[in-house]
Amino acid sequence: MPLIGIPPTVNIQAIYDVLSGKSRRLKRLYKYEDLQEGLAWIRNNIDSQYFEEAGIAPEKLNDFLTFSLRDEKVLMDMQAKNVGSITWALDQNIPADWDVLSKKKINFMRL
């Protein structure tokens, strides 16, 4: 007679992956790969002139995009591959990025 509440098959490998942290590491790896793919998509589909007109130097572009991806709106637009909406969302993040950069410069000068 089978015991009630115990599944008939137990996946030992899945239990080991959770306990060892392997599943968490894989989840982070997949998230990182998705973000890198999204950054490449943004770079390929949004003209570099857009970023230059916004005052973002080419060497600071990755920093700005990484900062902007903290915004859920930018992340959703990137996943939906909506160029028009993502440029609007990026426009909303430019002043915040400038604020963060200016605070970093002030703190660096104090050291």
PDB file of N, CA and C in Angstrom:
ATOM      1  N   MET A   1       0.850  -1.187   0.000  1.00  0.00           N
ATOM      2  CA  MET A   1       0.000   0.000   0.000  1.00  0.00           C
ATOM      3  C   MET A   1       0.897   1.253   0.000  1.00  0.00           C
ATOM      4  N   PRO A   2       0.713   2.141  -0.994  1.00  0.00           N
ATOM      5  CA  PRO A   2       1.570   3.334  -1.070  1.00  0.00           C
ATOM      6  C   PRO A   2       1.283   4.301   0.072  1.00  0.00           C
ATOM      7  N   LEU A   3       2.325   4.995   0.491  1.00  0.00           N
ATOM      8  CA  LEU A   3       2.174   6.005   1.539  1.00  0.00           C
ATOM      9  C   LEU A   3       1.548   7.258   0.952  1.00  0.00           C
ATOM     10  N   ILE A   4       0.634   7.839   1.663  1.00  0.00           N
ATOM     11  CA  ILE A   4      -0.053   9.035   1.200  1.00  0.00           C
ATOM     12  C   ILE A   4       0.844  10.248   1.454  1.00  0.00           C
ATOM     13  N   GLY A   5       0.937  11.119   0.457  1.00  0.00           N
ATOM     14  CA  GLY A   5       1.704  12.351   0.596  1.00  0.00           C
ATOM     15  C   GLY A   5       3.131  12.256   0.096  1.00  0.00           C
ATOM     16  N   ILE A   6       3.606  11.075  -0.226  1.00  0.00           N
ATOM     17  CA  ILE A   6       4.950  10.935  -0.752  1.00  0.00           C
ATOM     18  C   ILE A   6       4.826  10.659  -2.245  1.00  0.00           C
ATOM     19  N   PRO A   7       5.482  11.466  -3.065  1.00  0.00           N
ATOM     20  CA  PRO A   7       5.375  11.238  -4.507  1.00  0.00           C
ATOM     21  C   PRO A   7       5.986   9.881  -4.872  1.00  0.00           C
ATOM     22  N   PRO A   8       5.459   9.255  -5.906  1.00  0.00           N
ATOM     23  CA  PRO A   8       5.942   7.918  -6.266  1.00  0.00           C
ATOM     24  C   PRO A   8       7.396   7.920  -6.759  1.00  0.00           C
ATOM     25  N   THR A   9       7.848   9.032  -7.350  1.00  0.00           N
ATOM     26  CA  THR A   9       9.241   9.109  -7.785  1.00  0.00           C
ATOM     27  C   THR A   9       9.871  10.356  -7.199  1.00  0.00           C
ATOM     28  N   VAL A  10      11.078  10.221  -6.750  1.00  0.00           N
ATOM     29  CA  VAL A  10      11.823  11.335  -6.185  1.00  0.00           C
ATOM     30  C   VAL A  10      13.046  11.543  -7.072  1.00  0.00           C
ATOM     31  N   ASN A  11      13.200  12.763  -7.553  1.00  0.00           N
ATOM     32  CA  ASN A  11      14.329  13.089  -8.405  1.00  0.00           C
ATOM     33  C   ASN A  11      15.497  13.509  -7.513  1.00  0.00           C
ATOM     34  N   ILE A  12      16.381  12.561  -7.277  1.00  0.00           N
ATOM     35  CA  ILE A  12      17.516  12.788  -6.386  1.00  0.00           C
ATOM     36  C   ILE A  12      18.420  13.899  -6.925  1.00  0.00           C
ATOM     37  N   GLN A  13      18.614  13.935  -8.252  1.00  0.00           N
ATOM     38  CA  GLN A  13      19.482  14.952  -8.848  1.00  0.00           C
ATOM     39  C   GLN A  13      18.930  16.354  -8.604  1.00  0.00           C
ATOM     40  N   ALA A  14      17.614  16.527  -8.713  1.00  0.00           N
ATOM     41  CA  ALA A  14      17.009  17.837  -8.480  1.00  0.00           C
ATOM     42  C   ALA A  14      17.195  18.266  -7.027  1.00  0.00           C
ATOM     43  N   ILE A  15      17.048  17.343  -6.115  1.00  0.00           N
ATOM     44  CA  ILE A  15      17.246  17.658  -4.696  1.00  0.00           C
ATOM     45  C   ILE A  15      18.702  18.053  -4.446  1.00  0.00           C
ATOM     46  N   TYR A  16      19.623  17.308  -5.026  1.00  0.00           N
ATOM     47  CA  TYR A  16      21.045  17.624  -4.875  1.00  0.00           C
ATOM     48  C   TYR A  16      21.368  19.005  -5.451  1.00  0.00           C
ATOM     49  N   ASP A  17      20.805  19.322  -6.628  1.00  0.00           N
ATOM     50  CA  ASP A  17      21.067  20.617  -7.256  1.00  0.00           C
ATOM     51  C   ASP A  17      20.606  21.767  -6.373  1.00  0.00           C
ATOM     52  N   VAL A  18      19.457  21.609  -5.736  1.00  0.00           N
ATOM     53  CA  VAL A  18      18.947  22.664  -4.856  1.00  0.00           C
ATOM     54  C   VAL A  18      19.820  22.794  -3.614  1.00  0.00           C
ATOM     55  N   LEU A  19      20.164  21.672  -3.013  1.00  0.00           N
ATOM     56  CA  LEU A  19      20.953  21.712  -1.784  1.00  0.00           C
ATOM     57  C   LEU A  19      22.385  22.206  -2.026  1.00  0.00           C
ATOM     58  N   SER A  20      22.963  21.861  -3.154  1.00  0.00           N
ATOM     59  CA  SER A  20      24.349  22.253  -3.427  1.00  0.00           C
ATOM     60  C   SER A  20      24.455  23.688  -3.937  1.00  0.00           C
ATOM     61  N   GLY A  21      23.354  24.284  -4.387  1.00  0.00           N
ATOM     62  CA  GLY A  21      23.383  25.639  -4.911  1.00  0.00           C
ATOM     63  C   GLY A  21      23.558  25.693  -6.417  1.00  0.00           C
ATOM     64  N   LYS A  22      23.629  24.525  -7.050  1.00  0.00           N
ATOM     65  CA  LYS A  22      23.834  24.494  -8.491  1.00  0.00           C
ATOM     66  C   LYS A  22      22.676  25.152  -9.228  1.00  0.00           C
ATOM     67  N   SER A  23      21.456  24.913  -8.774  1.00  0.00           N
ATOM     68  CA  SER A  23      20.297  25.493  -9.460  1.00  0.00           C
ATOM     69  C   SER A  23      20.313  27.016  -9.355  1.00  0.00           C
ATOM     70  N   ARG A  24      20.753  27.547  -8.224  1.00  0.00           N
ATOM     71  CA  ARG A  24      20.833  29.003  -8.055  1.00  0.00           C
ATOM     72  C   ARG A  24      21.910  29.587  -8.978  1.00  0.00           C
ATOM     73  N   ARG A  25      23.057  28.900  -9.069  1.00  0.00           N
ATOM     74  CA  ARG A  25      24.118  29.374  -9.965  1.00  0.00           C
ATOM     75  C   ARG A  25      23.664  29.346 -11.420  1.00  0.00           C
ATOM     76  N   LEU A  26      22.958  28.295 -11.807  1.00  0.00           N
ATOM     77  CA  LEU A  26      22.463  28.215 -13.182  1.00  0.00           C
ATOM     78  C   LEU A  26      21.442  29.305 -13.466  1.00  0.00           C
ATOM     79  N   LYS A  27      20.586  29.601 -12.493  1.00  0.00           N
ATOM     80  CA  LYS A  27      19.591  30.657 -12.670  1.00  0.00           C
ATOM     81  C   LYS A  27      20.282  32.006 -12.880  1.00  0.00           C
ATOM     82  N   ARG A  28      21.325  32.283 -12.102  1.00  0.00           N
ATOM     83  CA  ARG A  28      22.079  33.531 -12.274  1.00  0.00           C
ATOM     84  C   ARG A  28      22.765  33.579 -13.629  1.00  0.00           C
ATOM     85  N   LEU A  29      23.325  32.435 -14.045  1.00  0.00           N
ATOM     86  CA  LEU A  29      23.988  32.371 -15.343  1.00  0.00           C
ATOM     87  C   LEU A  29      23.009  32.653 -16.467  1.00  0.00           C
ATOM     88  N   TYR A  30      21.813  32.065 -16.417  1.00  0.00           N
ATOM     89  CA  TYR A  30      20.807  32.291 -17.451  1.00  0.00           C
ATOM     90  C   TYR A  30      20.352  33.749 -17.462  1.00  0.00           C
ATOM     91  N   LYS A  31      20.200  34.342 -16.283  1.00  0.00           N
ATOM     92  CA  LYS A  31      19.794  35.742 -16.203  1.00  0.00           C
ATOM     93  C   LYS A  31      20.882  36.638 -16.794  1.00  0.00           C
ATOM     94  N   TYR A  32      22.137  36.334 -16.487  1.00  0.00           N
ATOM     95  CA  TYR A  32      23.258  37.106 -17.025  1.00  0.00           C
ATOM     96  C   TYR A  32      23.297  36.989 -18.554  1.00  0.00           C
ATOM     97  N   GLU A  33      23.120  35.787 -19.064  1.00  0.00           N
ATOM     98  CA  GLU A  33      23.129  35.587 -20.517  1.00  0.00           C
ATOM     99  C   GLU A  33      21.986  36.347 -21.185  1.00  0.00           C
ATOM    100  N   ASP A  34      20.815  36.351 -20.551  1.00  0.00           N
ATOM    101  CA  ASP A  34      19.679  37.105 -21.101  1.00  0.00           C
ATOM    102  C   ASP A  34      19.973  38.601 -21.133  1.00  0.00           C
ATOM    103  N   LEU A  35      20.592  39.116 -20.069  1.00  0.00           N
ATOM    104  CA  LEU A  35      20.925  40.542 -20.027  1.00  0.00           C
ATOM    105  C   LEU A  35      21.961  40.897 -21.086  1.00  0.00           C
ATOM    106  N   GLN A  36      22.953  40.040 -21.274  1.00  0.00           N
ATOM    107  CA  GLN A  36      23.967  40.304 -22.297  1.00  0.00           C
ATOM    108  C   GLN A  36      23.354  40.288 -23.693  1.00  0.00           C
ATOM    109  N   GLU A  37      22.439  39.363 -23.906  1.00  0.00           N
ATOM    110  CA  GLU A  37      21.740  39.304 -25.194  1.00  0.00           C
ATOM    111  C   GLU A  37      20.897  40.561 -25.405  1.00  0.00           C
ATOM    112  N   GLY A  38      20.244  41.029 -24.338  1.00  0.00           N
ATOM    113  CA  GLY A  38      19.445  42.248 -24.416  1.00  0.00           C
ATOM    114  C   GLY A  38      20.295  43.480 -24.677  1.00  0.00           C
ATOM    115  N   LEU A  39      21.454  43.565 -24.024  1.00  0.00           N
ATOM    116  CA  LEU A  39      22.356  44.695 -24.270  1.00  0.00           C
ATOM    117  C   LEU A  39      22.828  44.698 -25.716  1.00  0.00           C
ATOM    118  N   ALA A  40      23.144  43.524 -26.236  1.00  0.00           N
ATOM    119  CA  ALA A  40      23.576  43.440 -27.642  1.00  0.00           C
ATOM    120  C   ALA A  40      22.432  43.842 -28.567  1.00  0.00           C
ATOM    121  N   TRP A  41      21.212  43.452 -28.235  1.00  0.00           N
ATOM    122  CA  TRP A  41      20.052  43.819 -29.055  1.00  0.00           C
ATOM    123  C   TRP A  41      19.863  45.339 -29.063  1.00  0.00           C
ATOM    124  N   ILE A  42      19.988  45.960 -27.893  1.00  0.00           N
ATOM    125  CA  ILE A  42      19.837  47.418 -27.807  1.00  0.00           C
ATOM    126  C   ILE A  42      20.918  48.101 -28.631  1.00  0.00           C
ATOM    127  N   ARG A  43      22.161  47.660 -28.512  1.00  0.00           N
ATOM    128  CA  ARG A  43      23.259  48.264 -29.272  1.00  0.00           C
ATOM    129  C   ARG A  43      23.049  48.120 -30.781  1.00  0.00           C
ATOM    130  N   ASN A  44      22.479  46.993 -31.209  1.00  0.00           N
ATOM    131  CA  ASN A  44      22.272  46.750 -32.634  1.00  0.00           C
ATOM    132  C   ASN A  44      21.065  47.482 -33.203  1.00  0.00           C
ATOM    133  N   ASN A  45      20.062  47.752 -32.386  1.00  0.00           N
ATOM    134  CA  ASN A  45      18.811  48.299 -32.898  1.00  0.00           C
ATOM    135  C   ASN A  45      18.587  49.770 -32.594  1.00  0.00           C
ATOM    136  N   ILE A  46      19.369  50.325 -31.703  1.00  0.00           N
ATOM    137  CA  ILE A  46      19.242  51.758 -31.413  1.00  0.00           C
ATOM    138  C   ILE A  46      20.514  52.427 -31.922  1.00  0.00           C
ATOM    139  N   ASP A  47      20.329  53.417 -32.736  1.00  0.00           N
ATOM    140  CA  ASP A  47      21.446  54.098 -33.385  1.00  0.00           C
ATOM    141  C   ASP A  47      22.365  54.742 -32.339  1.00  0.00           C
ATOM    142  N   SER A  48      23.661  54.662 -32.565  1.00  0.00           N
ATOM    143  CA  SER A  48      24.628  55.241 -31.629  1.00  0.00           C
ATOM    144  C   SER A  48      24.489  56.757 -31.551  1.00  0.00           C
ATOM    145  N   GLN A  49      23.936  57.368 -32.592  1.00  0.00           N
ATOM    146  CA  GLN A  49      23.729  58.817 -32.592  1.00  0.00           C
ATOM    147  C   GLN A  49      22.734  59.219 -31.500  1.00  0.00           C
ATOM    148  N   TYR A  50      21.767  58.356 -31.211  1.00  0.00           N
ATOM    149  CA  TYR A  50      20.798  58.617 -30.139  1.00  0.00           C
ATOM    150  C   TYR A  50      21.539  58.824 -28.808  1.00  0.00           C
ATOM    151  N   PHE A  51      22.499  57.947 -28.523  1.00  0.00           N
ATOM    152  CA  PHE A  51      23.230  58.039 -27.267  1.00  0.00           C
ATOM    153  C   PHE A  51      24.177  59.237 -27.265  1.00  0.00           C
ATOM    154  N   GLU A  52      24.764  59.539 -28.408  1.00  0.00           N
ATOM    155  CA  GLU A  52      25.652  60.701 -28.494  1.00  0.00           C
ATOM    156  C   GLU A  52      24.885  61.992 -28.255  1.00  0.00           C
ATOM    157  N   GLU A  53      23.675  62.099 -28.827  1.00  0.00           N
ATOM    158  CA  GLU A  53      22.853  63.297 -28.626  1.00  0.00           C
ATOM    159  C   GLU A  53      22.405  63.425 -27.179  1.00  0.00           C
ATOM    160  N   ALA A  54      22.286  62.294 -26.495  1.00  0.00           N
ATOM    161  CA  ALA A  54      21.887  62.319 -25.087  1.00  0.00           C
ATOM    162  C   ALA A  54      23.057  62.654 -24.174  1.00  0.00           C
ATOM    163  N   GLY A  55      24.266  62.735 -24.738  1.00  0.00           N
ATOM    164  CA  GLY A  55      25.435  63.083 -23.936  1.00  0.00           C
ATOM    165  C   GLY A  55      26.107  61.888 -23.287  1.00  0.00           C
ATOM    166  N   ILE A  56      25.859  60.700 -23.821  1.00  0.00           N
ATOM    167  CA  ILE A  56      26.462  59.490 -23.265  1.00  0.00           C
ATOM    168  C   ILE A  56      27.646  59.107 -24.148  1.00  0.00           C
ATOM    169  N   ALA A  57      28.815  59.116 -23.556  1.00  0.00           N
ATOM    170  CA  ALA A  57      30.030  58.775 -24.300  1.00  0.00           C
ATOM    171  C   ALA A  57      30.031  57.285 -24.644  1.00  0.00           C
ATOM    172  N   PRO A  58      30.610  56.919 -25.776  1.00  0.00           N
ATOM    173  CA  PRO A  58      30.633  55.501 -26.173  1.00  0.00           C
ATOM    174  C   PRO A  58      31.261  54.582 -25.123  1.00  0.00           C
ATOM    175  N   GLU A  59      32.274  55.068 -24.408  1.00  0.00           N
ATOM    176  CA  GLU A  59      32.905  54.216 -23.387  1.00  0.00           C
ATOM    177  C   GLU A  59      32.034  54.062 -22.139  1.00  0.00           C
ATOM    178  N   LYS A  60      31.041  54.921 -21.960  1.00  0.00           N
ATOM    179  CA  LYS A  60      30.128  54.842 -20.816  1.00  0.00           C
ATOM    180  C   LYS A  60      28.787  54.196 -21.180  1.00  0.00           C
ATOM    181  N   LEU A  61      28.647  53.751 -22.423  1.00  0.00           N
ATOM    182  CA  LEU A  61      27.363  53.221 -22.881  1.00  0.00           C
ATOM    183  C   LEU A  61      26.951  51.974 -22.108  1.00  0.00           C
ATOM    184  N   ASN A  62      27.873  51.042 -21.901  1.00  0.00           N
ATOM    185  CA  ASN A  62      27.526  49.830 -21.156  1.00  0.00           C
ATOM    186  C   ASN A  62      27.111  50.157 -19.731  1.00  0.00           C
ATOM    187  N   ASP A  63      27.799  51.098 -19.095  1.00  0.00           N
ATOM    188  CA  ASP A  63      27.431  51.493 -17.732  1.00  0.00           C
ATOM    189  C   ASP A  63      26.023  52.077 -17.697  1.00  0.00           C
ATOM    190  N   PHE A  64      25.726  52.940 -18.668  1.00  0.00           N
ATOM    191  CA  PHE A  64      24.393  53.544 -18.720  1.00  0.00           C
ATOM    192  C   PHE A  64      23.321  52.490 -18.956  1.00  0.00           C
ATOM    193  N   LEU A  65      23.556  51.580 -19.888  1.00  0.00           N
ATOM    194  CA  LEU A  65      22.556  50.549 -20.181  1.00  0.00           C
ATOM    195  C   LEU A  65      22.353  49.617 -18.985  1.00  0.00           C
ATOM    196  N   THR A  66      23.433  49.267 -18.311  1.00  0.00           N
ATOM    197  CA  THR A  66      23.312  48.426 -17.121  1.00  0.00           C
ATOM    198  C   THR A  66      22.520  49.151 -16.043  1.00  0.00           C
ATOM    199  N   PHE A  67      22.790  50.456 -15.871  1.00  0.00           N
ATOM    200  CA  PHE A  67      22.036  51.262 -14.908  1.00  0.00           C
ATOM    201  C   PHE A  67      20.561  51.319 -15.306  1.00  0.00           C
ATOM    202  N   SER A  68      20.289  51.483 -16.597  1.00  0.00           N
ATOM    203  CA  SER A  68      18.919  51.617 -17.067  1.00  0.00           C
ATOM    204  C   SER A  68      18.137  50.312 -16.943  1.00  0.00           C
ATOM    205  N   LEU A  69      18.826  49.185 -17.015  1.00  0.00           N
ATOM    206  CA  LEU A  69      18.133  47.902 -16.930  1.00  0.00           C
ATOM    207  C   LEU A  69      17.627  47.610 -15.528  1.00  0.00           C
ATOM    208  N   ARG A  70      17.977  48.442 -14.569  1.00  0.00           N
ATOM    209  CA  ARG A  70      17.383  48.312 -13.231  1.00  0.00           C
ATOM    210  C   ARG A  70      15.912  48.716 -13.264  1.00  0.00           C
ATOM    211  N   ASP A  71      15.558  49.546 -14.241  1.00  0.00           N
ATOM    212  CA  ASP A  71      14.180  49.996 -14.401  1.00  0.00           C
ATOM    213  C   ASP A  71      13.380  48.886 -15.067  1.00  0.00           C
ATOM    214  N   GLU A  72      12.288  48.507 -14.429  1.00  0.00           N
ATOM    215  CA  GLU A  72      11.470  47.410 -14.948  1.00  0.00           C
ATOM    216  C   GLU A  72      10.882  47.720 -16.321  1.00  0.00           C
ATOM    217  N   LYS A  73      10.570  48.982 -16.581  1.00  0.00           N
ATOM    218  CA  LYS A  73      10.009  49.385 -17.873  1.00  0.00           C
ATOM    219  C   LYS A  73      11.008  49.112 -19.001  1.00  0.00           C
ATOM    220  N   VAL A  74      12.268  49.463 -18.776  1.00  0.00           N
ATOM    221  CA  VAL A  74      13.305  49.227 -19.784  1.00  0.00           C
ATOM    222  C   VAL A  74      13.472  47.732 -19.996  1.00  0.00           C
ATOM    223  N   LEU A  75      13.466  46.972 -18.918  1.00  0.00           N
ATOM    224  CA  LEU A  75      13.623  45.529 -19.010  1.00  0.00           C
ATOM    225  C   LEU A  75      12.487  44.887 -19.794  1.00  0.00           C
ATOM    226  N   MET A  76      11.261  45.325 -19.525  1.00  0.00           N
ATOM    227  CA  MET A  76      10.105  44.767 -20.248  1.00  0.00           C
ATOM    228  C   MET A  76      10.155  45.138 -21.722  1.00  0.00           C
ATOM    229  N   ASP A  77      10.517  46.384 -22.024  1.00  0.00           N
ATOM    230  CA  ASP A  77      10.605  46.810 -23.426  1.00  0.00           C
ATOM    231  C   ASP A  77      11.717  46.078 -24.163  1.00  0.00           C
ATOM    232  N   MET A  78      12.807  45.794 -23.457  1.00  0.00           N
ATOM    233  CA  MET A  78      13.899  45.056 -24.071  1.00  0.00           C
ATOM    234  C   MET A  78      13.448  43.638 -24.411  1.00  0.00           C
ATOM    235  N   GLN A  79      12.721  43.015 -23.490  1.00  0.00           N
ATOM    236  CA  GLN A  79      12.238  41.662 -23.741  1.00  0.00           C
ATOM    237  C   GLN A  79      11.202  41.636 -24.847  1.00  0.00           C
ATOM    238  N   ALA A  80      10.399  42.711 -24.950  1.00  0.00           N
ATOM    239  CA  ALA A  80       9.378  42.790 -25.995  1.00  0.00           C
ATOM    240  C   ALA A  80       9.979  43.260 -27.321  1.00  0.00           C
ATOM    241  N   LYS A  81      11.225  43.734 -27.270  1.00  0.00           N
ATOM    242  CA  LYS A  81      11.926  44.233 -28.457  1.00  0.00           C
ATOM    243  C   LYS A  81      11.155  45.372 -29.122  1.00  0.00           C
ATOM    244  N   ASN A  82      10.744  46.335 -28.288  1.00  0.00           N
ATOM    245  CA  ASN A  82       9.994  47.494 -28.725  1.00  0.00           C
ATOM    246  C   ASN A  82      10.926  48.710 -28.723  1.00  0.00           C
ATOM    247  N   VAL A  83      11.437  49.059 -29.894  1.00  0.00           N
ATOM    248  CA  VAL A  83      12.446  50.116 -30.009  1.00  0.00           C
ATOM    249  C   VAL A  83      11.895  51.476 -29.583  1.00  0.00           C
ATOM    250  N   GLY A  84      10.707  51.818 -30.031  1.00  0.00           N
ATOM    251  CA  GLY A  84      10.135  53.121 -29.700  1.00  0.00           C
ATOM    252  C   GLY A  84       9.923  53.305 -28.218  1.00  0.00           C
ATOM    253  N   SER A  85       9.388  52.304 -27.588  1.00  0.00           N
ATOM    254  CA  SER A  85       9.121  52.389 -26.158  1.00  0.00           C
ATOM    255  C   SER A  85      10.406  52.356 -25.338  1.00  0.00           C
ATOM    256  N   ILE A  86      11.385  51.605 -25.802  1.00  0.00           N
ATOM    257  CA  ILE A  86      12.630  51.518 -25.034  1.00  0.00           C
ATOM    258  C   ILE A  86      13.405  52.834 -25.094  1.00  0.00           C
ATOM    259  N   THR A  87      13.353  53.526 -26.221  1.00  0.00           N
ATOM    260  CA  THR A  87      14.043  54.823 -26.283  1.00  0.00           C
ATOM    261  C   THR A  87      13.383  55.828 -25.343  1.00  0.00           C
ATOM    262  N   TRP A  88      12.061  55.774 -25.244  1.00  0.00           N
ATOM    263  CA  TRP A  88      11.366  56.655 -24.302  1.00  0.00           C
ATOM    264  C   TRP A  88      11.758  56.303 -22.872  1.00  0.00           C
ATOM    265  N   ALA A  89      11.819  55.018 -22.552  1.00  0.00           N
ATOM    266  CA  ALA A  89      12.191  54.594 -21.197  1.00  0.00           C
ATOM    267  C   ALA A  89      13.642  54.967 -20.890  1.00  0.00           C
ATOM    268  N   LEU A  90      14.519  54.853 -21.878  1.00  0.00           N
ATOM    269  CA  LEU A  90      15.909  55.256 -21.671  1.00  0.00           C
ATOM    270  C   LEU A  90      16.009  56.761 -21.438  1.00  0.00           C
ATOM    271  N   ASP A  91      15.189  57.534 -22.149  1.00  0.00           N
ATOM    272  CA  ASP A  91      15.170  58.986 -21.934  1.00  0.00           C
ATOM    273  C   ASP A  91      14.831  59.323 -20.489  1.00  0.00           C
ATOM    274  N   GLN A  92      13.957  58.539 -19.880  1.00  0.00           N
ATOM    275  CA  GLN A  92      13.568  58.780 -18.496  1.00  0.00           C
ATOM    276  C   GLN A  92      14.715  58.480 -17.531  1.00  0.00           C
ATOM    277  N   ASN A  93      15.648  57.622 -17.934  1.00  0.00           N
ATOM    278  CA  ASN A  93      16.752  57.219 -17.053  1.00  0.00           C
ATOM    279  C   ASN A  93      17.990  58.089 -17.190  1.00  0.00           C
ATOM    280  N   ILE A  94      18.064  58.905 -18.216  1.00  0.00           N
ATOM    281  CA  ILE A  94      19.267  59.732 -18.426  1.00  0.00           C
ATOM    282  C   ILE A  94      19.490  60.703 -17.262  1.00  0.00           C
ATOM    283  N   PRO A  95      18.481  61.452 -16.790  1.00  0.00           N
ATOM    284  CA  PRO A  95      18.739  62.362 -15.652  1.00  0.00           C
ATOM    285  C   PRO A  95      19.161  61.622 -14.388  1.00  0.00           C
ATOM    286  N   ALA A  96      18.571  60.463 -14.139  1.00  0.00           N
ATOM    287  CA  ALA A  96      18.944  59.694 -12.947  1.00  0.00           C
ATOM    288  C   ALA A  96      20.378  59.210 -13.046  1.00  0.00           C
ATOM    289  N   ASP A  97      20.792  58.808 -14.240  1.00  0.00           N
ATOM    290  CA  ASP A  97      22.167  58.354 -14.443  1.00  0.00           C
ATOM    291  C   ASP A  97      23.139  59.504 -14.203  1.00  0.00           C
ATOM    292  N   TRP A  98      22.807  60.694 -14.693  1.00  0.00           N
ATOM    293  CA  TRP A  98      23.671  61.855 -14.468  1.00  0.00           C
ATOM    294  C   TRP A  98      23.794  62.168 -12.984  1.00  0.00           C
ATOM    295  N   ASP A  99      22.676  62.019 -12.234  1.00  0.00           N
ATOM    296  CA  ASP A  99      22.717  62.266 -10.791  1.00  0.00           C
ATOM    297  C   ASP A  99      23.653  61.293 -10.091  1.00  0.00           C
ATOM    298  N   VAL A 100      23.558  60.012 -10.465  1.00  0.00           N
ATOM    299  CA  VAL A 100      24.407  58.996  -9.845  1.00  0.00           C
ATOM    300  C   VAL A 100      25.873  59.260 -10.171  1.00  0.00           C
ATOM    301  N   LEU A 101      26.156  59.599 -11.416  1.00  0.00           N
ATOM    302  CA  LEU A 101      27.541  59.874 -11.803  1.00  0.00           C
ATOM    303  C   LEU A 101      28.101  61.092 -11.080  1.00  0.00           C
ATOM    304  N   SER A 102      27.291  62.138 -10.937  1.00  0.00           N
ATOM    305  CA  SER A 102      27.780  63.334 -10.255  1.00  0.00           C
ATOM    306  C   SER A 102      28.039  63.051  -8.776  1.00  0.00           C
ATOM    307  N   LYS A 103      27.207  62.229  -8.141  1.00  0.00           N
ATOM    308  CA  LYS A 103      27.433  61.869  -6.738  1.00  0.00           C
ATOM    309  C   LYS A 103      28.698  61.045  -6.587  1.00  0.00           C
ATOM    310  N   LYS A 104      28.958  60.156  -7.553  1.00  0.00           N
ATOM    311  CA  LYS A 104      30.181  59.355  -7.504  1.00  0.00           C
ATOM    312  C   LYS A 104      31.406  60.250  -7.624  1.00  0.00           C
ATOM    313  N   LYS A 105      31.338  61.268  -8.515  1.00  0.00           N
ATOM    314  CA  LYS A 105      32.461  62.175  -8.686  1.00  0.00           C
ATOM    315  C   LYS A 105      32.716  62.971  -7.423  1.00  0.00           C
ATOM    316  N   ILE A 106      31.645  63.419  -6.769  1.00  0.00           N
ATOM    317  CA  ILE A 106      31.789  64.196  -5.539  1.00  0.00           C
ATOM    318  C   ILE A 106      32.408  63.333  -4.452  1.00  0.00           C
ATOM    319  N   ASN A 107      31.932  62.087  -4.304  1.00  0.00           N
ATOM    320  CA  ASN A 107      32.481  61.199  -3.283  1.00  0.00           C
ATOM    321  C   ASN A 107      33.933  60.848  -3.588  1.00  0.00           C
ATOM    322  N   PHE A 108      34.280  60.700  -4.852  1.00  0.00           N
ATOM    323  CA  PHE A 108      35.658  60.392  -5.226  1.00  0.00           C
ATOM    324  C   PHE A 108      36.571  61.557  -4.898  1.00  0.00           C
ATOM    325  N   MET A 109      36.087  62.784  -5.126  1.00  0.00           N
ATOM    326  CA  MET A 109      36.907  63.977  -4.865  1.00  0.00           C
ATOM    327  C   MET A 109      37.136  64.146  -3.369  1.00  0.00           C
ATOM    328  N   ARG A 110      36.224  63.687  -2.548  1.00  0.00           N
ATOM    329  CA  ARG A 110      36.382  63.804  -1.095  1.00  0.00           C
ATOM    330  C   ARG A 110      37.468  62.896  -0.577  1.00  0.00           C
ATOM    331  N   LEU A 111      37.705  61.798  -1.280  1.00  0.00           N
ATOM    332  CA  LEU A 111      38.744  60.864  -0.828  1.00  0.00           C
ATOM    333  C   LEU A 111      40.079  61.477  -1.092  1.00  0.00           C
TER     334      LEU A 111
END
